[in-house]
Amino acid sequence: MERTGTTNLALARRSVDPDTGEELLPQWIRHLAENRVPRSPELWRYRALAAGMGVDVEKIKRLAAAQWIGVELAEVDQGEWITVPMPPELSEEDRQVVLETAITAARSLARRKNPDT
């Protein structure tokens, strides 16, 4: 929102869950942006937010996993994912190093399990 200049109201108007038709309220979006939502949102909210932001819902789920349970989800191969625990005190640069290391290790282990692939 900060990068694009989008307001809470404008984002809320676009944030409609395609499955249920439920809409996000501008107040809820403000609380989310201010990190004042006390628990992980319901799945319909992820879908609505993805629709409002024009991104894939899987991206929203990955970001939510990082925020709410402290793990990064990383795709090792098409359709194969790993979870990587992330200590909250890591800098963004250190988080990237941990993530890249975990992906490299997972790919190496997968090649050992399936040397013909």
N, C-alpha and C. Protein backbone atom coordinates (compact mmCIF):
# COMPACT_ATOMS: atom_id res chain seq x y z
N MET A 1 0.83 -1.18 0.00
CA MET A 1 0.00 0.00 0.00
C MET A 1 0.87 1.25 0.00
N GLU A 2 1.92 1.20 0.79
CA GLU A 2 2.82 2.34 0.87
C GLU A 2 3.50 2.59 -0.48
N ARG A 3 3.94 1.52 -1.11
CA ARG A 3 4.65 1.64 -2.38
C ARG A 3 3.75 2.18 -3.49
N THR A 4 2.48 1.74 -3.52
CA THR A 4 1.58 2.13 -4.61
C THR A 4 0.68 3.31 -4.27
N GLY A 5 0.66 3.71 -3.00
CA GLY A 5 -0.21 4.80 -2.59
C GLY A 5 -1.66 4.39 -2.45
N THR A 6 -1.92 3.09 -2.40
CA THR A 6 -3.28 2.58 -2.25
C THR A 6 -3.79 2.81 -0.83
N THR A 7 -5.03 3.24 -0.71
CA THR A 7 -5.62 3.45 0.61
C THR A 7 -6.27 2.17 1.11
N ASN A 8 -6.55 2.14 2.42
CA ASN A 8 -7.26 1.00 3.01
C ASN A 8 -8.60 0.79 2.30
N LEU A 9 -9.31 1.87 2.05
CA LEU A 9 -10.62 1.78 1.43
C LEU A 9 -10.53 1.23 0.01
N ALA A 10 -9.58 1.72 -0.78
CA ALA A 10 -9.43 1.24 -2.16
C ALA A 10 -9.08 -0.24 -2.19
N LEU A 11 -8.17 -0.67 -1.31
CA LEU A 11 -7.80 -2.07 -1.26
C LEU A 11 -8.98 -2.92 -0.79
N ALA A 12 -9.73 -2.42 0.20
CA ALA A 12 -10.88 -3.16 0.70
C ALA A 12 -11.93 -3.38 -0.39
N ARG A 13 -12.15 -2.38 -1.20
CA ARG A 13 -13.15 -2.50 -2.27
C ARG A 13 -12.78 -3.57 -3.29
N ARG A 14 -11.48 -3.79 -3.48
CA ARG A 14 -11.02 -4.81 -4.42
C ARG A 14 -10.89 -6.18 -3.77
N SER A 15 -10.88 -6.22 -2.44
CA SER A 15 -10.59 -7.45 -1.71
C SER A 15 -11.85 -8.24 -1.40
N VAL A 16 -12.27 -9.01 -2.38
CA VAL A 16 -13.47 -9.85 -2.27
C VAL A 16 -13.05 -11.29 -2.52
N ASP A 17 -13.38 -12.17 -1.59
CA ASP A 17 -13.06 -13.58 -1.75
C ASP A 17 -13.85 -14.14 -2.93
N PRO A 18 -13.16 -14.66 -3.94
CA PRO A 18 -13.87 -15.18 -5.11
C PRO A 18 -14.72 -16.42 -4.80
N ASP A 19 -14.41 -17.12 -3.72
CA ASP A 19 -15.18 -18.33 -3.38
C ASP A 19 -16.45 -18.04 -2.59
N THR A 20 -16.36 -17.10 -1.64
CA THR A 20 -17.50 -16.85 -0.76
C THR A 20 -18.19 -15.52 -1.01
N GLY A 21 -17.51 -14.59 -1.68
CA GLY A 21 -18.06 -13.25 -1.89
C GLY A 21 -17.86 -12.34 -0.69
N GLU A 22 -17.21 -12.83 0.36
CA GLU A 22 -16.96 -12.00 1.55
C GLU A 22 -15.94 -10.92 1.22
N GLU A 23 -16.11 -9.74 1.86
CA GLU A 23 -15.25 -8.59 1.60
C GLU A 23 -14.46 -8.21 2.84
N LEU A 24 -13.24 -7.76 2.61
CA LEU A 24 -12.44 -7.24 3.72
C LEU A 24 -12.87 -5.81 4.04
N LEU A 25 -12.86 -5.47 5.30
CA LEU A 25 -13.18 -4.11 5.72
C LEU A 25 -11.92 -3.26 5.77
N PRO A 26 -12.02 -1.97 5.49
CA PRO A 26 -10.84 -1.11 5.55
C PRO A 26 -10.17 -1.12 6.93
N GLN A 27 -10.96 -1.23 8.00
CA GLN A 27 -10.39 -1.26 9.35
C GLN A 27 -9.53 -2.51 9.54
N TRP A 28 -10.00 -3.65 9.01
CA TRP A 28 -9.23 -4.88 9.15
C TRP A 28 -7.90 -4.76 8.40
N ILE A 29 -7.94 -4.18 7.21
CA ILE A 29 -6.71 -3.99 6.44
C ILE A 29 -5.74 -3.08 7.19
N ARG A 30 -6.26 -2.02 7.80
CA ARG A 30 -5.41 -1.13 8.60
C ARG A 30 -4.79 -1.89 9.75
N HIS A 31 -5.58 -2.70 10.45
CA HIS A 31 -5.06 -3.48 11.58
C HIS A 31 -3.99 -4.47 11.10
N LEU A 32 -4.20 -5.08 9.95
CA LEU A 32 -3.21 -6.01 9.40
C LEU A 32 -1.91 -5.26 9.11
N ALA A 33 -2.01 -4.12 8.46
CA ALA A 33 -0.82 -3.33 8.12
C ALA A 33 -0.07 -2.87 9.36
N GLU A 34 -0.81 -2.64 10.45
CA GLU A 34 -0.21 -2.18 11.69
C GLU A 34 0.17 -3.34 12.62
N ASN A 35 0.06 -4.57 12.10
CA ASN A 35 0.39 -5.78 12.87
C ASN A 35 -0.46 -5.88 14.14
N ARG A 36 -1.74 -5.53 14.02
CA ARG A 36 -2.64 -5.57 15.17
C ARG A 36 -3.70 -6.66 15.04
N VAL A 37 -3.54 -7.57 14.09
CA VAL A 37 -4.46 -8.70 13.98
C VAL A 37 -3.90 -9.77 14.91
N PRO A 38 -4.67 -10.20 15.92
CA PRO A 38 -4.12 -11.04 16.98
C PRO A 38 -3.89 -12.51 16.63
N ARG A 39 -4.42 -12.98 15.51
CA ARG A 39 -4.22 -14.39 15.15
C ARG A 39 -4.23 -14.52 13.63
N SER A 40 -3.82 -15.68 13.18
CA SER A 40 -3.79 -15.91 11.74
C SER A 40 -5.20 -15.78 11.16
N PRO A 41 -5.36 -15.02 10.09
CA PRO A 41 -6.68 -14.82 9.49
C PRO A 41 -7.25 -16.11 8.89
N GLU A 42 -8.55 -16.09 8.69
CA GLU A 42 -9.24 -17.21 8.05
C GLU A 42 -8.83 -17.27 6.58
N LEU A 43 -8.96 -18.46 6.00
CA LEU A 43 -8.55 -18.68 4.62
C LEU A 43 -9.26 -17.74 3.64
N TRP A 44 -10.53 -17.45 3.88
CA TRP A 44 -11.24 -16.56 2.96
C TRP A 44 -10.59 -15.18 2.91
N ARG A 45 -10.02 -14.75 4.04
CA ARG A 45 -9.36 -13.44 4.07
C ARG A 45 -8.09 -13.45 3.21
N TYR A 46 -7.36 -14.58 3.22
CA TYR A 46 -6.18 -14.69 2.35
C TYR A 46 -6.59 -14.59 0.89
N ARG A 47 -7.67 -15.29 0.53
CA ARG A 47 -8.13 -15.24 -0.86
C ARG A 47 -8.59 -13.84 -1.25
N ALA A 48 -9.30 -13.18 -0.34
CA ALA A 48 -9.77 -11.82 -0.62
C ALA A 48 -8.59 -10.85 -0.75
N LEU A 49 -7.63 -10.96 0.13
CA LEU A 49 -6.46 -10.09 0.08
C LEU A 49 -5.68 -10.32 -1.22
N ALA A 50 -5.53 -11.58 -1.60
CA ALA A 50 -4.84 -11.89 -2.86
C ALA A 50 -5.58 -11.26 -4.04
N ALA A 51 -6.90 -11.37 -4.04
CA ALA A 51 -7.69 -10.78 -5.12
C ALA A 51 -7.51 -9.26 -5.14
N GLY A 52 -7.55 -8.64 -3.97
CA GLY A 52 -7.41 -7.19 -3.89
C GLY A 52 -6.04 -6.70 -4.31
N MET A 53 -5.02 -7.49 -4.03
CA MET A 53 -3.66 -7.10 -4.37
C MET A 53 -3.26 -7.55 -5.78
N GLY A 54 -4.08 -8.41 -6.38
CA GLY A 54 -3.77 -8.90 -7.71
C GLY A 54 -2.59 -9.86 -7.73
N VAL A 55 -2.45 -10.66 -6.66
CA VAL A 55 -1.37 -11.64 -6.59
C VAL A 55 -1.98 -13.03 -6.36
N ASP A 56 -1.17 -14.04 -6.56
CA ASP A 56 -1.60 -15.41 -6.34
C ASP A 56 -1.79 -15.66 -4.84
N VAL A 57 -2.85 -16.37 -4.49
CA VAL A 57 -3.14 -16.64 -3.08
C VAL A 57 -2.01 -17.43 -2.42
N GLU A 58 -1.28 -18.23 -3.20
CA GLU A 58 -0.16 -18.99 -2.64
C GLU A 58 0.92 -18.05 -2.09
N LYS A 59 1.12 -16.92 -2.74
CA LYS A 59 2.09 -15.94 -2.25
C LYS A 59 1.64 -15.40 -0.89
N ILE A 60 0.36 -15.10 -0.77
CA ILE A 60 -0.19 -14.60 0.50
C ILE A 60 -0.02 -15.66 1.58
N LYS A 61 -0.28 -16.92 1.26
CA LYS A 61 -0.13 -18.01 2.24
C LYS A 61 1.32 -18.14 2.70
N ARG A 62 2.27 -18.02 1.76
CA ARG A 62 3.69 -18.11 2.14
C ARG A 62 4.07 -16.97 3.07
N LEU A 63 3.60 -15.77 2.75
CA LEU A 63 3.89 -14.62 3.61
C LEU A 63 3.26 -14.80 4.98
N ALA A 64 2.05 -15.35 5.00
CA ALA A 64 1.36 -15.59 6.27
C ALA A 64 2.11 -16.62 7.11
N ALA A 65 2.62 -17.66 6.47
CA ALA A 65 3.39 -18.67 7.20
C ALA A 65 4.61 -18.03 7.85
N ALA A 66 5.26 -17.16 7.13
CA ALA A 66 6.44 -16.47 7.68
C ALA A 66 6.03 -15.59 8.86
N GLN A 67 4.92 -14.88 8.73
CA GLN A 67 4.50 -13.96 9.78
C GLN A 67 3.94 -14.69 11.01
N TRP A 68 3.07 -15.66 10.79
CA TRP A 68 2.33 -16.24 11.90
C TRP A 68 3.00 -17.43 12.56
N ILE A 69 3.76 -18.22 11.82
CA ILE A 69 4.39 -19.37 12.47
C ILE A 69 5.90 -19.37 12.35
N GLY A 70 6.46 -18.32 11.78
CA GLY A 70 7.91 -18.16 11.76
C GLY A 70 8.65 -19.11 10.83
N VAL A 71 8.01 -19.53 9.75
CA VAL A 71 8.69 -20.38 8.78
C VAL A 71 8.57 -19.76 7.39
N GLU A 72 9.56 -20.05 6.59
CA GLU A 72 9.50 -19.68 5.18
C GLU A 72 9.15 -20.94 4.42
N LEU A 73 8.32 -20.83 3.42
CA LEU A 73 8.03 -21.94 2.53
C LEU A 73 8.84 -21.73 1.27
N ALA A 74 9.58 -22.75 0.88
CA ALA A 74 10.44 -22.62 -0.30
C ALA A 74 10.17 -23.77 -1.25
N GLU A 75 10.04 -23.45 -2.52
CA GLU A 75 9.83 -24.47 -3.53
C GLU A 75 11.18 -25.05 -3.93
N VAL A 76 11.33 -26.35 -3.73
CA VAL A 76 12.57 -27.04 -4.05
C VAL A 76 12.55 -27.49 -5.51
N ASP A 77 11.42 -27.98 -5.93
CA ASP A 77 11.21 -28.44 -7.29
C ASP A 77 9.75 -28.16 -7.60
N GLN A 78 9.34 -28.27 -8.82
CA GLN A 78 7.95 -27.99 -9.14
C GLN A 78 7.03 -28.86 -8.30
N GLY A 79 6.24 -28.21 -7.46
CA GLY A 79 5.28 -28.92 -6.62
C GLY A 79 5.84 -29.48 -5.34
N GLU A 80 7.14 -29.40 -5.12
CA GLU A 80 7.75 -29.88 -3.87
C GLU A 80 8.20 -28.68 -3.05
N TRP A 81 7.70 -28.62 -1.82
CA TRP A 81 7.98 -27.49 -0.95
C TRP A 81 8.62 -27.97 0.34
N ILE A 82 9.41 -27.10 0.95
CA ILE A 82 9.95 -27.36 2.28
C ILE A 82 9.61 -26.17 3.17
N THR A 83 9.55 -26.42 4.47
CA THR A 83 9.38 -25.33 5.43
C THR A 83 10.73 -25.11 6.10
N VAL A 84 11.09 -23.86 6.25
CA VAL A 84 12.37 -23.50 6.84
C VAL A 84 12.10 -22.61 8.05
N PRO A 85 12.35 -23.13 9.28
CA PRO A 85 12.15 -22.28 10.46
C PRO A 85 13.08 -21.07 10.42
N MET A 86 12.55 -19.92 10.79
CA MET A 86 13.33 -18.69 10.75
C MET A 86 13.28 -18.00 12.11
N PRO A 87 14.43 -17.91 12.78
CA PRO A 87 14.45 -17.11 14.01
C PRO A 87 14.10 -15.66 13.71
N PRO A 88 13.24 -15.04 14.50
CA PRO A 88 12.77 -13.69 14.18
C PRO A 88 13.85 -12.61 14.20
N GLU A 89 14.95 -12.87 14.88
CA GLU A 89 15.97 -11.82 15.01
C GLU A 89 16.90 -11.72 13.80
N LEU A 90 16.76 -12.60 12.82
CA LEU A 90 17.62 -12.55 11.64
C LEU A 90 17.30 -11.35 10.77
N SER A 91 18.36 -10.78 10.20
CA SER A 91 18.16 -9.71 9.23
C SER A 91 17.61 -10.31 7.94
N GLU A 92 17.11 -9.48 7.06
CA GLU A 92 16.58 -9.97 5.78
C GLU A 92 17.68 -10.67 4.99
N GLU A 93 18.87 -10.14 5.03
CA GLU A 93 20.01 -10.75 4.32
C GLU A 93 20.32 -12.14 4.89
N ASP A 94 20.33 -12.26 6.22
CA ASP A 94 20.59 -13.55 6.86
C ASP A 94 19.47 -14.55 6.59
N ARG A 95 18.23 -14.07 6.56
CA ARG A 95 17.11 -14.95 6.25
C ARG A 95 17.27 -15.54 4.85
N GLN A 96 17.73 -14.72 3.91
CA GLN A 96 17.93 -15.18 2.54
C GLN A 96 19.03 -16.24 2.49
N VAL A 97 20.09 -16.06 3.27
CA VAL A 97 21.18 -17.05 3.30
C VAL A 97 20.66 -18.38 3.85
N VAL A 98 19.89 -18.33 4.94
CA VAL A 98 19.33 -19.55 5.52
C VAL A 98 18.41 -20.24 4.51
N LEU A 99 17.57 -19.48 3.86
CA LEU A 99 16.63 -20.03 2.89
C LEU A 99 17.37 -20.68 1.72
N GLU A 100 18.35 -20.01 1.15
CA GLU A 100 19.11 -20.57 0.03
C GLU A 100 19.87 -21.82 0.43
N THR A 101 20.41 -21.83 1.65
CA THR A 101 21.12 -23.01 2.15
C THR A 101 20.17 -24.19 2.30
N ALA A 102 18.98 -23.95 2.84
CA ALA A 102 17.99 -25.01 3.02
C ALA A 102 17.53 -25.57 1.67
N ILE A 103 17.34 -24.71 0.70
CA ILE A 103 16.92 -25.16 -0.64
C ILE A 103 18.00 -26.02 -1.27
N THR A 104 19.24 -25.57 -1.17
CA THR A 104 20.36 -26.34 -1.73
C THR A 104 20.46 -27.71 -1.07
N ALA A 105 20.33 -27.74 0.25
CA ALA A 105 20.40 -29.02 0.97
C ALA A 105 19.24 -29.94 0.58
N ALA A 106 18.04 -29.39 0.48
CA ALA A 106 16.87 -30.20 0.11
C ALA A 106 17.03 -30.77 -1.30
N ARG A 107 17.52 -29.98 -2.22
CA ARG A 107 17.72 -30.47 -3.59
C ARG A 107 18.78 -31.56 -3.63
N SER A 108 19.84 -31.40 -2.85
CA SER A 108 20.90 -32.40 -2.80
C SER A 108 20.37 -33.72 -2.23
N LEU A 109 19.59 -33.63 -1.17
CA LEU A 109 19.01 -34.84 -0.58
C LEU A 109 18.06 -35.52 -1.55
N ALA A 110 17.27 -34.74 -2.27
CA ALA A 110 16.33 -35.30 -3.24
C ALA A 110 17.08 -36.03 -4.37
N ARG A 111 18.20 -35.46 -4.82
CA ARG A 111 19.00 -36.10 -5.87
C ARG A 111 19.57 -37.42 -5.38
N ARG A 112 19.98 -37.48 -4.11
CA ARG A 112 20.51 -38.74 -3.56
C ARG A 112 19.43 -39.80 -3.46
N LYS A 113 18.22 -39.38 -3.10
CA LYS A 113 17.10 -40.33 -3.00
C LYS A 113 16.67 -40.83 -4.37
N ASN A 114 16.74 -39.98 -5.37
CA ASN A 114 16.29 -40.29 -6.73
C ASN A 114 17.39 -39.93 -7.72
N PRO A 115 18.46 -40.71 -7.78
CA PRO A 115 19.57 -40.32 -8.65
C PRO A 115 19.24 -40.32 -10.15
N ASP A 116 18.16 -40.96 -10.55
CA ASP A 116 17.80 -40.99 -11.98
C ASP A 116 17.02 -39.77 -12.45
N THR A 117 16.64 -38.87 -11.51
CA THR A 117 15.84 -37.70 -11.90
C THR A 117 16.69 -36.48 -12.05
